[in-house]
Amino acid sequence: MNENNTNDEISLKELIEKAREWFSYLLAQWKIIVLAGIVGAGLGLAYSFSKKPVYTASLSFALEDEKSGGLGGALGLASSLGLDLGGGGGSIFTGSNLTELFKSRAMVEQTLLSPVVVEGKTISLAEMYIQNQEWRDQWNENPKFKAIQFLPNTKRATFTRVQDSILGVMFQDLSKTGLTVGQKDKKIAIITIDVNSTNELFAKYFTEALVKQVSDFYVDTKSKKARINMDILERQTDSIRRELNGAITGVAVANDNTFGLNPAMNVRRAPSARRQVDVQANTAILTELVKQTELAKVTLRKETPLIQVIDRPILPLKKEKFGTAKGIIMGGFLLVFVIVIFLLARRILKPAV
């Protein structure tokens, strides 16, 4: 037992002695360490000047309440008559699903093709992104990329493989560092979108265009069933109205043909009676179709708009810049740390004789 304690004391003494030896060695190299700190501070300062500030555009919105309210009875009546007015909007794009929709490649790339006005010229957000990243300077030296352009509202299906690849790179860049979508508080049903960019205008324009793109897609998708039913009802209403007008005209013609007719000749009055039956039947059908068409219009209005914007990005945007003091401290510390590790490694590998 005493022997083990002695060995532990010897090991501890050796460790302390070794630490003192390393400290003395580093102290002897103070000129190199100080020089590394100065050089690192200078590099950090240069980096802080070259680093562009990052602007953040924030937009918050809430989903429209989808409760049917007073339409429950009306929609139930329509359902009993065999008509589906699309009242159940469903929840396919609510909560986390809607968040993922904002970050989907299809929505982001379609947003990049939206038009914006920059310095009096109408260009796409994709071209604005390319200008901000200074890719054109590299592309001008390569004939494969020199003629590539992304015109506003161009159909995605007409793009070449190279254009698809470039849009894919933009999407990856924005997804990794530029686009954040989520709820800041799970108890509050308000979703916030943050877009980061070194170009203040791009951050603002892209945020607003993305919300518009997703909102339009959301409206078209979610209200598609209600819109289809309303279109069918309107076509049926117009068709029955034409039939009713024809039947009314037919009654008048038949009455003209039997004017002053001998009352004993009832066969000649049959066409007029048949036309009157048609008028009554078409009137009843038209009345019901008009009711259902109005219900369909109310249902469609209920489902739009589906996204209510609360706060929009307002210039000037929030700016985050890499400070000079931060650059000096971090640059100096990192280079000193690297030099110290290098000196210790050299000491261990090649101990002094």
Foldseek 3Di string as FASTA:
>chain_A
DVVVVVVVVVVVVVVVVVVVVLVVVVVVVVVVLVVLLVVLLVVLLVCLVPDFWKFKWKWKWFFDDLDPPPCPVVQVVCVVVVAHLLSCLDPCCADVNVQVVLLDLVLLLLLQLAWDADPNDIAGNVVVVCVQVVVQVVQCVPPVRNPDGRGHPDDPVPDDPVVVVSSVVVSVVCNPPFWDWDDPDPVDRMIMIMGMDSDQVSNQSSVVSSVVSSQVVSLCVSCVSLVVSLVVLVVVLVVLVVQLVVLVVQLVVLCVVCVPPDVVPCVSNVSNVVSVVSNVVSVVVNVVSVSVSVSSVVSSVSCPRGMGIDDGGDPPGDIDGCDSVNSSVVSSVVSSVVVSVVVVVCCVVDPDD
